[in-house]
Amino acid sequence: MGEELGPWSSDLDQWTQQYEAEQRAGEVATGEPWRRCYSPFPSQRLFHEAPERFKGFSGPVGSGKSRALAGEVIRLAYGNPGLPGVLAAPTYRMLEDVTRQAVMEALEEGNIPHVPRKWDILLTEPQSVIRLRSMDKPTRLVGSNLAWFAVDELTYCKEDAWKRLEARLRHPKAQALEGCAVWTPKGFDWVHGRFLSDSRVDGYSAIIAAPGENTALPPDFYDRLKASYDDKFYQQEVLGKYLSIFAGQAYYAFDRAYNLRAAQFDPRHPICWAMDFNVNPMASVLCQIIGGSVYVLEEIVLPNSNTPESCRVFRERVQRYLDILQGDHYGVVPLQLKVYGDAAGNQRKTSADRTDWKIVQDFLSKEPALQPMFLGGISNPTVKGRVNAMNALLCNAGGERRLVVDPSCRELTADLEQVAWKTDTAGNSISELDKSNPKRTHVSDALGYLVEKEFGLRATSGPRSEYLGV
């Protein structure tokens, strides 16, 4: 970790000792305005004190990135009295609901006089203006010269947007020209290359926060996340490490020796039917969720098919489970059925007047032996979120395996072993699945809709995907 901290790594122990001394003495930070807002952790302090013109703060969930950014914004506004600066976020929604709110809270906690306005925040003491901008439309960032700028969750922004801000950092009266950002790691992307790699741009540096610095978090905060995150994602999101998450095999946590074994139907639990509405092949899986684990009983893969045919085959397959329920031992009818699948089926029409989901609903409404509950959403989860949720069930960071695939599911097994991330024209991995083989991805997609719906990652902090649109 010491090497990753860059030129300021030698100061970390010194600041850690000073911070701990302040905490023991119960001291309240005073002096500079940003110090009135909060008492920074060691890594946050290194970020504030770094002398580079372009600097970053990278860290895991719960490391105080938003608070560090707010403190730096206030420091820059006071350091450039009367001059404009920009506070930016990947999307306007995140800017309004998260990034702006963090700065407002810091201003209020520090008793710093300010006037919030629609498109900016005015600090009345130095008469400095904090302009609020979204990074999702880079051309709108062109404007007057800036004394400083600060960006939240930079890894979710386009490099072009950052470059446009960098080009505006040239106000002739600026006393402290600076561009800064905070982010959660997303592998070896352009942010890593610009701030942290061996070939990083001159005048750039970044501090990597260590997990566990934030003593305000619950004692079991990181341990609880181990159950929800697979090992690689846990290392990136929780430990703040830089990994090639989107390189090579998508479902890297799958292991035949542990995840591939006989899955037996348990009459005490509902059947889950998860569907992908691709035409060739049309794929779905029959599963059960028992004790926090998913058991894939069988797959239905139909080449050159359609939704009515998929419904017909499903009804044939499910009869064996109905026969068990109707036996003398159980006598339970109807069969409880949970239905998941591709939200695109709400728009796609197999027939002239009915969407795929309408076809499924009409079919099941005529089956008195089945009692369906539809759990599909109005929009699909992100590919990244779906794959991460699958990997977390295949093997989470604590070594638990909660996804069992019956050996009869040959196409699903092939998907779990062969589906890979797509690469761009330069050979760089991107967060899209490679669909060059028309047989691959569809069965695992179907299962992924169920897994993400029931076991999707719901982090309490870190990257706010609901604001990022990713």
Protein backbone atom coordinates (compact mmCIF):
# COMPACT_ATOMS: atom_id res chain seq x y z
CA MET A 1 0.00 0.00 0.00
CA GLY A 2 2.89 2.35 0.73
CA GLU A 3 4.06 2.41 -2.86
CA GLU A 4 0.53 3.09 -4.13
CA LEU A 5 0.29 6.30 -2.09
CA GLY A 6 2.89 7.91 -4.31
CA PRO A 7 5.09 10.80 -3.19
CA TRP A 8 3.13 11.33 0.02
CA SER A 9 3.38 7.78 1.35
CA SER A 10 6.27 8.68 3.65
CA ASP A 11 4.04 11.18 5.48
CA LEU A 12 1.18 8.77 6.21
CA ASP A 13 2.58 7.49 9.51
CA GLN A 14 3.27 11.04 10.68
CA TRP A 15 -0.27 12.20 9.90
CA THR A 16 -1.77 9.03 11.40
CA GLN A 17 0.04 9.68 14.68
CA GLN A 18 -1.06 13.32 14.67
CA TYR A 19 -4.66 12.39 13.90
CA GLU A 20 -4.76 9.80 16.68
CA ALA A 21 -3.29 12.35 19.10
CA GLU A 22 -6.00 14.85 18.18
CA GLN A 23 -8.69 12.24 18.71
CA ARG A 24 -7.31 11.25 22.11
CA ALA A 25 -7.13 14.87 23.17
CA GLY A 26 -10.65 15.57 21.89
CA GLU A 27 -9.39 18.49 19.82
CA VAL A 28 -11.63 20.22 17.29
CA ALA A 29 -9.92 21.25 14.08
CA THR A 30 -9.68 25.01 13.71
CA GLY A 31 -7.82 27.46 11.52
CA GLU A 32 -8.41 27.16 7.79
CA PRO A 33 -12.13 27.03 6.84
CA TRP A 34 -11.95 23.49 5.53
CA ARG A 35 -10.51 22.40 8.88
CA ARG A 36 -13.57 23.87 10.63
CA CYS A 37 -15.80 21.50 8.64
CA TYR A 38 -14.32 18.24 9.85
CA SER A 39 -11.29 16.52 11.33
CA PRO A 40 -9.74 14.64 8.39
CA PHE A 41 -8.51 11.08 8.49
CA PRO A 42 -4.81 10.58 7.64
CA SER A 43 -5.44 9.85 3.94
CA GLN A 44 -7.84 12.79 3.63
CA ARG A 45 -5.23 15.11 5.11
CA LEU A 46 -2.61 13.89 2.65
CA PHE A 47 -5.07 14.72 -0.14
CA HIS A 48 -5.58 18.27 1.15
CA GLU A 49 -1.86 18.88 1.61
CA ALA A 50 -0.69 17.44 -1.73
CA PRO A 51 1.00 20.22 -3.76
CA GLU A 52 0.30 18.92 -7.30
CA ARG A 53 -1.95 21.02 -9.53
CA PHE A 54 -4.04 17.95 -10.37
CA LYS A 55 -4.67 15.59 -7.51
CA GLY A 56 -7.06 12.79 -6.62
CA PHE A 57 -8.41 10.83 -3.69
CA SER A 58 -9.24 7.18 -4.35
CA GLY A 59 -10.70 4.84 -1.82
CA PRO A 60 -13.09 2.05 -0.91
CA VAL A 61 -16.65 2.41 0.29
CA GLY A 62 -16.84 4.29 3.57
CA SER A 63 -13.47 6.05 3.19
CA GLY A 64 -14.91 9.59 3.26
CA LYS A 65 -14.39 10.58 -0.37
CA SER A 66 -17.38 12.95 -0.49
CA ARG A 67 -16.35 14.66 2.73
CA ALA A 68 -12.78 15.04 1.48
CA LEU A 69 -14.03 16.58 -1.77
CA ALA A 70 -16.30 19.00 0.12
CA GLY A 71 -13.41 20.07 2.33
CA GLU A 72 -11.16 20.64 -0.67
CA VAL A 73 -13.86 22.66 -2.47
CA ILE A 74 -14.15 24.99 0.52
CA ARG A 75 -10.35 25.24 0.78
CA LEU A 76 -10.10 26.22 -2.89
CA ALA A 77 -12.97 28.70 -2.72
CA TYR A 78 -11.26 30.50 0.18
CA GLY A 79 -7.87 30.24 -1.50
CA ASN A 80 -9.21 32.02 -4.60
CA PRO A 81 -11.41 34.81 -3.21
CA GLY A 82 -13.82 36.35 -5.68
CA LEU A 83 -12.94 33.88 -8.45
CA PRO A 84 -15.12 31.15 -10.02
CA GLY A 85 -14.66 27.42 -9.55
CA VAL A 86 -16.64 24.38 -10.66
CA LEU A 87 -18.03 21.50 -8.61
CA ALA A 88 -19.00 18.64 -10.93
CA ALA A 89 -20.44 15.12 -10.85
CA PRO A 90 -21.07 12.42 -13.49
CA THR A 91 -24.80 13.22 -13.81
CA TYR A 92 -27.02 16.12 -12.82
CA ARG A 93 -29.06 13.88 -10.49
CA MET A 94 -25.98 12.85 -8.53
CA LEU A 95 -24.74 16.45 -8.54
CA GLU A 96 -28.00 17.67 -7.03
CA ASP A 97 -28.76 14.85 -4.59
CA VAL A 98 -25.29 13.80 -3.41
CA THR A 99 -22.36 16.04 -4.35
CA ARG A 100 -24.00 19.40 -3.70
CA GLN A 101 -25.54 18.07 -0.51
CA ALA A 102 -22.14 16.99 0.82
CA VAL A 103 -20.74 20.50 0.30
CA MET A 104 -23.80 22.14 1.86
CA GLU A 105 -23.51 19.94 4.95
CA ALA A 106 -19.81 20.80 5.29
CA LEU A 107 -20.55 24.52 5.01
CA GLU A 108 -23.24 24.32 7.66
CA GLU A 109 -21.14 22.23 10.04
CA GLY A 110 -18.28 24.72 9.68
CA ASN A 111 -20.61 27.72 10.17
CA ILE A 112 -19.36 29.17 6.90
CA PRO A 113 -21.63 31.95 5.53
CA HIS A 114 -23.11 30.96 2.18
CA VAL A 115 -26.10 31.44 -0.10
CA PRO A 116 -27.37 28.40 -2.04
CA ARG A 117 -28.69 29.21 -5.50
CA LYS A 118 -30.01 27.09 -8.37
CA TRP A 119 -26.82 26.71 -10.39
CA ASP A 120 -24.20 27.71 -7.84
CA ILE A 121 -23.34 28.31 -4.19
CA LEU A 122 -22.08 31.74 -3.12
CA LEU A 123 -19.64 31.94 -0.20
CA THR A 124 -20.29 35.39 1.21
CA GLU A 125 -17.06 35.86 3.20
CA PRO A 126 -14.64 35.66 0.25
CA GLN A 127 -17.45 36.33 -2.32
CA SER A 128 -16.42 33.15 -4.15
CA VAL A 129 -18.80 31.28 -6.45
CA ILE A 130 -19.00 27.47 -6.58
CA ARG A 131 -20.56 26.67 -9.95
CA LEU A 132 -22.47 23.38 -10.24
CA ARG A 133 -22.01 21.38 -13.43
CA SER A 134 -22.75 17.89 -14.79
CA MET A 135 -20.04 15.91 -16.60
CA ASP A 136 -22.36 13.89 -18.83
CA LYS A 137 -22.44 16.61 -21.52
CA PRO A 138 -18.81 17.72 -21.94
CA THR A 139 -19.58 20.44 -24.51
CA ARG A 140 -21.54 22.37 -21.86
CA LEU A 141 -18.42 22.67 -19.72
CA VAL A 142 -16.92 25.25 -22.08
CA GLY A 143 -17.09 28.68 -20.48
CA SER A 144 -15.08 31.31 -18.64
CA ASN A 145 -11.67 30.75 -17.13
CA LEU A 146 -11.59 28.89 -13.82
CA ALA A 147 -9.43 29.18 -10.73
CA TRP A 148 -10.22 25.61 -9.67
CA PHE A 149 -12.51 22.64 -10.27
CA ALA A 150 -13.47 19.51 -8.33
CA VAL A 151 -15.15 16.33 -9.61
CA ASP A 152 -17.01 13.62 -7.69
CA GLU A 153 -16.76 9.93 -8.78
CA LEU A 154 -14.39 10.68 -11.65
CA THR A 155 -14.18 7.06 -12.84
CA TYR A 156 -17.80 7.38 -14.02
CA CYS A 157 -16.96 10.41 -16.17
CA LYS A 158 -15.61 10.65 -19.68
CA GLU A 159 -11.99 11.65 -20.10
CA ASP A 160 -13.06 14.30 -22.62
CA ALA A 161 -15.07 16.08 -19.91
CA TRP A 162 -12.05 16.17 -17.60
CA LYS A 163 -9.85 17.52 -20.41
CA ARG A 164 -12.32 20.34 -21.09
CA LEU A 165 -12.22 21.39 -17.46
CA GLU A 166 -8.43 21.15 -17.45
CA ALA A 167 -8.33 23.50 -20.43
CA ARG A 168 -10.37 26.12 -18.52
CA LEU A 169 -8.04 26.07 -15.50
CA ARG A 170 -6.25 29.31 -16.38
CA HIS A 171 -7.72 32.25 -14.51
CA PRO A 172 -5.01 34.97 -14.48
CA LYS A 173 -5.88 36.09 -10.93
CA ALA A 174 -5.94 32.61 -9.39
CA GLN A 175 -3.84 32.24 -6.26
CA ALA A 176 -4.19 28.45 -6.11
CA LEU A 177 -4.85 26.86 -9.50
CA GLU A 178 -6.05 23.30 -8.93
CA GLY A 179 -8.13 20.52 -10.45
CA CYS A 180 -9.05 17.69 -8.08
CA ALA A 181 -11.30 14.66 -7.97
CA VAL A 182 -12.37 11.72 -5.84
CA TRP A 183 -13.38 8.29 -7.06
CA THR A 184 -13.94 4.62 -6.40
CA PRO A 185 -11.54 2.34 -8.35
CA LYS A 186 -12.78 0.89 -11.64
CA GLY A 187 -9.71 -1.02 -12.69
CA PHE A 188 -6.95 0.21 -14.95
CA ASP A 189 -9.00 2.85 -16.72
CA TRP A 190 -8.07 6.33 -17.95
CA VAL A 191 -8.23 7.72 -14.40
CA HIS A 192 -5.70 5.18 -13.15
CA GLY A 193 -3.48 5.87 -16.14
CA ARG A 194 -3.58 9.63 -15.65
CA PHE A 195 -3.18 9.72 -11.85
CA LEU A 196 -1.58 6.48 -10.63
CA SER A 197 0.20 4.47 -13.30
CA ASP A 198 3.95 4.43 -13.85
CA SER A 199 3.34 6.65 -16.89
CA ARG A 200 0.99 9.08 -15.11
CA VAL A 201 0.79 12.62 -16.45
CA ASP A 202 3.28 15.11 -15.06
CA GLY A 203 1.76 17.26 -12.34
CA TYR A 204 -0.72 14.56 -11.32
CA SER A 205 -0.86 12.57 -8.10
CA ALA A 206 -3.41 10.60 -6.08
CA ILE A 207 -3.83 9.38 -2.53
CA ILE A 208 -5.28 5.91 -1.98
CA ALA A 209 -7.24 5.69 1.25
CA ALA A 210 -6.81 2.62 3.40
CA PRO A 211 -9.89 0.64 4.48
CA GLY A 212 -10.75 0.94 8.14
CA GLU A 213 -9.70 4.57 8.64
CA ASN A 214 -13.30 5.66 9.14
CA THR A 215 -13.89 4.80 12.78
CA ALA A 216 -17.50 6.04 12.55
CA LEU A 217 -18.49 2.98 10.52
CA PRO A 218 -20.13 0.04 12.32
CA PRO A 219 -17.48 -2.43 13.58
CA ASP A 220 -18.80 -5.19 11.29
CA PHE A 221 -19.22 -2.94 8.22
CA TYR A 222 -16.55 -4.58 6.06
CA ASP A 223 -17.24 -8.10 7.29
CA ARG A 224 -20.91 -7.83 6.32
CA LEU A 225 -20.00 -6.81 2.78
CA LYS A 226 -18.05 -10.03 2.31
CA ALA A 227 -21.33 -11.95 2.05
CA SER A 228 -22.62 -9.69 -0.75
CA TYR A 229 -19.45 -9.19 -2.83
CA ASP A 230 -17.40 -11.72 -4.72
CA ASP A 231 -13.69 -11.70 -3.95
CA LYS A 232 -12.53 -9.52 -6.84
CA PHE A 233 -15.32 -6.99 -6.43
CA TYR A 234 -14.75 -6.96 -2.67
CA GLN A 235 -11.08 -6.15 -3.20
CA GLN A 236 -11.99 -3.30 -5.55
CA GLU A 237 -15.02 -1.77 -3.82
CA VAL A 238 -14.25 -2.50 -0.16
CA LEU A 239 -10.45 -2.60 -0.09
CA GLY A 240 -10.00 0.03 -2.81
CA LYS A 241 -7.61 -2.03 -4.94
CA TYR A 242 -7.13 -1.64 -8.67
CA LEU A 243 -8.01 -4.84 -10.53
CA SER A 244 -8.95 -5.85 -14.07
CA ILE A 245 -12.56 -6.58 -13.16
CA PHE A 246 -13.72 -6.38 -16.78
CA ALA A 247 -10.96 -8.49 -18.31
CA GLY A 248 -11.32 -12.05 -19.51
CA GLN A 249 -13.87 -14.48 -18.09
CA ALA A 250 -17.00 -12.73 -16.81
CA TYR A 251 -18.07 -15.41 -14.31
CA TYR A 252 -14.58 -16.04 -12.93
CA ALA A 253 -15.94 -17.29 -9.59
CA PHE A 254 -17.51 -20.38 -11.19
CA ASP A 255 -15.84 -23.68 -10.28
CA ARG A 256 -17.19 -26.99 -11.55
CA ALA A 257 -15.92 -28.81 -8.49
CA TYR A 258 -18.09 -26.71 -6.16
CA ASN A 259 -20.92 -25.09 -8.14
CA LEU A 260 -21.83 -28.00 -10.41
CA ARG A 261 -23.76 -30.69 -8.56
CA ALA A 262 -27.19 -32.31 -8.48
CA ALA A 263 -30.01 -29.92 -7.55
CA GLN A 264 -33.08 -31.62 -6.07
CA PHE A 265 -36.57 -30.11 -6.05
CA ASP A 266 -37.82 -29.21 -2.57
CA PRO A 267 -41.66 -29.19 -2.47
CA ARG A 268 -41.64 -26.81 0.49
CA HIS A 269 -40.35 -23.93 -1.65
CA PRO A 270 -41.65 -22.14 -4.77
CA ILE A 271 -40.34 -22.71 -8.27
CA CYS A 272 -38.59 -19.73 -9.88
CA TRP A 273 -38.80 -19.28 -13.66
CA ALA A 274 -36.29 -16.77 -15.10
CA MET A 275 -36.38 -15.85 -18.80
CA ASP A 276 -34.36 -14.16 -21.49
CA PHE A 277 -36.47 -13.18 -24.51
CA ASN A 278 -33.86 -13.62 -27.21
CA VAL A 279 -35.28 -15.46 -30.24
CA ASN A 280 -32.36 -17.69 -31.17
CA PRO A 281 -31.98 -19.24 -28.74
CA MET A 282 -34.83 -18.43 -26.38
CA ALA A 283 -33.59 -19.39 -22.94
CA SER A 284 -34.92 -19.77 -19.42
CA VAL A 285 -34.08 -21.61 -16.20
CA LEU A 286 -36.08 -23.28 -13.44
CA CYS A 287 -34.66 -22.66 -9.97
CA GLN A 288 -35.41 -22.63 -6.28
CA ILE A 289 -34.22 -20.21 -3.64
CA ILE A 290 -33.60 -22.05 -0.38
CA GLY A 291 -31.86 -20.66 2.68
CA GLY A 292 -30.15 -17.83 0.82
CA SER A 293 -28.88 -20.11 -1.96
CA VAL A 294 -30.04 -20.60 -5.55
CA TYR A 295 -30.45 -24.12 -6.95
CA VAL A 296 -30.78 -24.33 -10.74
CA LEU A 297 -32.89 -27.42 -11.45
CA GLU A 298 -32.93 -27.30 -15.25
CA GLU A 299 -32.64 -25.09 -18.30
CA ILE A 300 -34.90 -24.56 -21.31
CA VAL A 301 -32.99 -23.58 -24.46
CA LEU A 302 -35.00 -23.41 -27.70
CA PRO A 303 -33.36 -22.48 -31.04
CA ASN A 304 -35.36 -20.27 -33.44
CA SER A 305 -38.28 -20.16 -31.06
CA ASN A 306 -40.79 -17.72 -29.61
CA THR A 307 -42.47 -16.90 -26.32
CA PRO A 308 -45.62 -19.08 -26.78
CA GLU A 309 -43.44 -22.11 -27.50
CA SER A 310 -41.26 -21.36 -24.48
CA CYS A 311 -44.42 -21.27 -22.33
CA ARG A 312 -45.58 -24.60 -23.72
CA VAL A 313 -42.26 -26.31 -22.99
CA PHE A 314 -42.16 -24.77 -19.53
CA ARG A 315 -45.58 -26.26 -18.76
CA GLU A 316 -44.38 -29.69 -19.81
CA ARG A 317 -41.27 -29.46 -17.66
CA VAL A 318 -43.06 -28.18 -14.57
CA GLN A 319 -45.51 -31.09 -14.54
CA ARG A 320 -43.00 -33.32 -12.76
CA TYR A 321 -42.93 -30.89 -9.84
CA LEU A 322 -46.72 -30.71 -9.75
CA ASP A 323 -46.84 -34.50 -9.57
CA ILE A 324 -44.63 -34.41 -6.48
CA LEU A 325 -46.80 -31.76 -4.85
CA GLN A 326 -49.96 -33.75 -5.54
CA GLY A 327 -48.58 -36.89 -3.94
CA ASP A 328 -50.00 -38.29 -0.74
CA HIS A 329 -47.20 -36.84 1.37
CA TYR A 330 -47.70 -33.19 0.44
CA GLY A 331 -51.07 -32.65 -1.22
CA VAL A 332 -50.19 -29.00 -1.93
CA VAL A 333 -51.84 -27.38 -4.95
CA PRO A 334 -51.34 -24.97 -6.66
CA LEU A 335 -47.60 -24.69 -7.21
CA GLN A 336 -46.19 -21.33 -6.09
CA LEU A 337 -44.32 -19.78 -9.04
CA LYS A 338 -42.03 -16.72 -9.05
CA VAL A 339 -41.38 -15.30 -12.51
CA TYR A 340 -38.32 -13.18 -13.37
CA GLY A 341 -36.81 -12.03 -16.62
CA ASP A 342 -35.76 -9.55 -19.23
CA ALA A 343 -37.55 -6.22 -18.80
CA ALA A 344 -37.14 -5.67 -22.56
CA GLY A 345 -40.00 -8.14 -22.90
CA ASN A 346 -42.30 -5.28 -21.96
CA GLN A 347 -41.56 -3.68 -25.34
CA ARG A 348 -40.69 -6.60 -27.60
CA LYS A 349 -43.66 -8.19 -29.38
CA THR A 350 -43.68 -11.81 -30.54
CA SER A 351 -47.25 -11.46 -31.78
CA ALA A 352 -48.93 -8.54 -33.51
CA ASP A 353 -50.61 -7.09 -30.44
CA ARG A 354 -49.01 -8.56 -27.31
CA THR A 355 -45.63 -8.07 -25.71
CA ASP A 356 -43.61 -11.06 -24.52
CA TRP A 357 -44.53 -10.44 -20.90
CA LYS A 358 -48.21 -10.15 -21.81
CA ILE A 359 -47.99 -13.52 -23.56
CA VAL A 360 -46.48 -15.10 -20.45
CA GLN A 361 -49.08 -13.52 -18.17
CA ASP A 362 -51.97 -14.64 -20.36
CA PHE A 363 -50.60 -18.17 -20.55
CA LEU A 364 -50.13 -18.56 -16.81
CA SER A 365 -53.54 -17.05 -16.05
CA LYS A 366 -55.09 -20.11 -17.73
CA GLU A 367 -53.14 -22.58 -15.56
CA PRO A 368 -55.08 -23.20 -12.33
CA ALA A 369 -52.35 -25.51 -11.01
CA LEU A 370 -49.88 -22.62 -11.00
CA GLN A 371 -50.01 -19.54 -8.81
CA PRO A 372 -47.61 -17.01 -10.39
CA MET A 373 -46.00 -13.91 -8.92
CA PHE A 374 -44.27 -11.61 -11.42
CA LEU A 375 -41.06 -10.07 -10.09
CA GLY A 376 -39.51 -8.54 -13.20
CA GLY A 377 -38.70 -4.83 -13.06
CA ILE A 378 -39.59 -2.04 -15.46
CA SER A 379 -35.92 -1.81 -16.47
CA ASN A 380 -33.03 -4.24 -16.53
CA PRO A 381 -30.13 -4.06 -14.07
CA THR A 382 -26.76 -3.01 -15.41
CA VAL A 383 -24.64 -5.75 -16.95
CA LYS A 384 -21.95 -5.02 -14.36
CA GLY A 385 -24.42 -5.28 -11.50
CA ARG A 386 -25.88 -8.52 -12.79
CA VAL A 387 -22.50 -10.19 -13.33
CA ASN A 388 -21.19 -9.03 -9.96
CA ALA A 389 -24.27 -10.44 -8.22
CA MET A 390 -23.76 -13.77 -10.00
CA ASN A 391 -20.10 -13.94 -9.01
CA ALA A 392 -20.99 -13.13 -5.41
CA LEU A 393 -23.32 -16.16 -5.32
CA LEU A 394 -20.83 -18.40 -7.11
CA CYS A 395 -18.24 -17.54 -4.43
CA ASN A 396 -18.31 -14.47 -2.21
CA ALA A 397 -15.36 -12.81 -0.50
CA GLY A 398 -15.91 -15.00 2.55
CA GLY A 399 -15.52 -18.19 0.49
CA GLU A 400 -19.23 -19.10 0.59
CA ARG A 401 -20.76 -20.70 -2.52
CA ARG A 402 -24.52 -20.20 -2.78
CA LEU A 403 -25.23 -21.06 -6.41
CA VAL A 404 -25.70 -24.72 -7.34
CA VAL A 405 -26.14 -25.70 -11.00
CA ASP A 406 -27.44 -29.13 -11.91
CA PRO A 407 -25.09 -30.95 -14.35
CA SER A 408 -27.97 -31.27 -16.82
CA CYS A 409 -27.69 -27.51 -17.48
CA ARG A 410 -25.05 -27.78 -20.17
CA GLU A 411 -25.65 -24.44 -21.88
CA LEU A 412 -25.62 -22.57 -18.57
CA THR A 413 -22.39 -24.32 -17.62
CA ALA A 414 -20.87 -23.33 -20.96
CA ASP A 415 -21.91 -19.74 -20.37
CA LEU A 416 -20.37 -19.65 -16.90
CA GLU A 417 -17.10 -20.97 -18.29
CA GLN A 418 -16.95 -19.16 -21.64
CA VAL A 419 -18.73 -15.79 -21.46
CA ALA A 420 -16.12 -13.03 -21.49
CA TRP A 421 -15.97 -9.26 -21.40
CA LYS A 422 -15.93 -7.40 -24.68
CA THR A 423 -12.90 -5.44 -25.86
CA ASP A 424 -12.82 -2.23 -27.87
CA THR A 425 -10.89 -1.63 -31.08
CA ALA A 426 -7.74 -0.95 -29.07
CA GLY A 427 -8.03 -4.25 -27.22
CA ASN A 428 -9.12 -2.71 -23.92
CA SER A 429 -11.75 -4.55 -21.87
CA ILE A 430 -15.06 -2.72 -21.43
CA SER A 431 -18.08 -3.39 -19.21
CA GLU A 432 -20.07 -5.15 -21.93
CA LEU A 433 -20.32 -8.89 -22.53
CA ASP A 434 -18.88 -10.38 -25.70
CA LYS A 435 -21.83 -11.64 -27.75
CA SER A 436 -19.87 -12.68 -30.84
CA ASN A 437 -20.93 -16.32 -30.23
CA PRO A 438 -24.73 -16.32 -30.75
CA LYS A 439 -25.16 -19.31 -28.44
CA ARG A 440 -23.57 -17.68 -25.44
CA THR A 441 -24.84 -15.27 -22.72
CA HIS A 442 -28.59 -15.99 -23.03
CA VAL A 443 -29.04 -18.66 -20.34
CA SER A 444 -26.74 -16.87 -17.90
CA ASP A 445 -28.57 -13.63 -18.67
CA ALA A 446 -31.86 -15.30 -17.73
CA LEU A 447 -30.45 -16.55 -14.42
CA GLY A 448 -28.77 -13.20 -13.83
CA TYR A 449 -32.10 -11.35 -13.80
CA LEU A 450 -33.27 -13.53 -10.90
CA VAL A 451 -29.98 -13.34 -9.02
CA GLU A 452 -29.69 -9.55 -9.30
CA LYS A 453 -33.31 -9.06 -8.26
CA GLU A 454 -32.97 -11.23 -5.15
CA PHE A 455 -29.28 -10.82 -4.27
CA GLY A 456 -28.15 -7.65 -6.05
CA LEU A 457 -25.44 -5.58 -4.40
CA ARG A 458 -27.00 -2.95 -2.18
CA ALA A 459 -24.00 -1.07 -0.81
CA THR A 460 -24.77 1.59 1.77
CA SER A 461 -22.00 3.86 0.53
CA GLY A 462 -19.46 4.19 -2.24
CA PRO A 463 -20.43 4.68 -5.91
CA ARG A 464 -24.05 5.74 -6.14
CA SER A 465 -25.06 3.77 -9.24
CA GLU A 466 -28.65 5.01 -9.04
CA TYR A 467 -27.28 8.50 -9.75
CA LEU A 468 -24.68 7.39 -12.26
CA GLY A 469 -26.93 5.65 -14.74
CA VAL A 470 -24.59 2.65 -14.96
